[in-house]
Amino acid sequence: MERKGSIVSRANSIGSTSASSVPNTDDEDSDYRQESIKDAYKDRRRRAHTQAEQKRRDAIKVSKFNFL
């Protein structure tokens, strides 16, 4: 059976208060940690890529001078 016209929000159905007055839960804290871990990983990858690119450019410069 379908219920038409009886839309209840999740917050009201579990009897919680508004999100602004509820302190952070462990899930929200872990989400924040997940994001910071992802950001740290991206930063490490970015730095490694930049170093590899610089090494490649330096190798090109050295090989260019060896041909002269």
Protein backbone atom coordinates (compact mmCIF):
# COMPACT_ATOMS: atom_id res chain seq x y z
CA MET A 1 0.00 0.00 0.00
CA GLU A 2 1.24 3.45 -0.86
CA ARG A 3 0.84 6.31 1.54
CA LYS A 4 0.13 9.51 -0.28
CA GLY A 5 0.41 12.80 1.49
CA SER A 6 2.13 11.46 4.60
CA ILE A 7 5.65 12.77 4.21
CA VAL A 8 7.55 12.74 7.48
CA SER A 9 11.11 13.97 7.71
CA ARG A 10 13.70 11.67 9.24
CA ALA A 11 14.39 14.10 12.08
CA ASN A 12 10.73 14.18 13.06
CA SER A 13 10.26 10.45 12.70
CA ILE A 14 13.00 9.68 15.23
CA GLY A 15 12.11 12.53 17.53
CA SER A 16 15.41 14.38 17.35
CA THR A 17 15.91 18.12 17.55
CA SER A 18 17.32 20.34 14.85
CA ALA A 19 20.86 19.59 13.68
CA SER A 20 22.19 22.94 14.89
CA SER A 21 21.48 22.12 18.54
CA VAL A 22 22.82 18.56 18.41
CA PRO A 23 26.52 18.10 19.21
CA ASN A 24 28.77 16.29 16.75
CA THR A 25 28.37 12.55 16.75
CA ASP A 26 31.14 10.03 16.30
CA ASP A 27 30.01 9.54 12.70
CA GLU A 28 30.44 13.24 11.94
CA ASP A 29 33.87 13.27 13.59
CA SER A 30 34.95 10.23 11.60
CA ASP A 31 33.70 11.90 8.41
CA TYR A 32 35.92 14.87 9.23
CA ARG A 33 38.88 12.55 9.86
CA GLN A 34 38.16 10.77 6.57
CA GLU A 35 38.27 14.09 4.74
CA SER A 36 41.53 15.13 6.40
CA ILE A 37 43.07 11.74 5.54
CA LYS A 38 41.96 12.18 1.93
CA ASP A 39 43.38 15.70 1.85
CA ALA A 40 46.70 14.51 3.31
CA TYR A 41 46.86 11.73 0.71
CA LYS A 42 46.14 14.16 -2.12
CA ASP A 43 48.77 16.55 -0.79
CA ARG A 44 51.41 13.79 -0.62
CA ARG A 45 50.55 12.68 -4.16
CA ARG A 46 50.72 16.27 -5.42
CA ARG A 47 54.14 16.83 -3.83
CA ALA A 48 55.46 13.51 -5.17
CA HIS A 49 54.22 14.40 -8.65
CA THR A 50 55.84 17.85 -8.48
CA GLN A 51 59.16 16.33 -7.38
CA ALA A 52 59.02 13.73 -10.16
CA GLU A 53 58.25 16.41 -12.73
CA GLN A 54 61.17 18.54 -11.53
CA LYS A 55 63.47 15.52 -11.68
CA ARG A 56 62.32 14.84 -15.26
CA ARG A 57 62.95 18.46 -16.29
CA ASP A 58 66.40 18.42 -14.70
CA ALA A 59 67.24 15.19 -16.56
CA ILE A 60 66.17 16.81 -19.85
CA LYS A 61 68.43 19.80 -19.15
CA VAL A 62 71.41 17.55 -18.38
CA SER A 63 70.90 15.41 -21.47
CA LYS A 64 70.51 18.51 -23.63
CA PHE A 65 73.90 19.81 -22.50
CA ASN A 66 75.51 16.40 -23.08
CA PHE A 67 74.63 16.61 -26.78
CA LEU A 68 76.35 19.95 -27.24
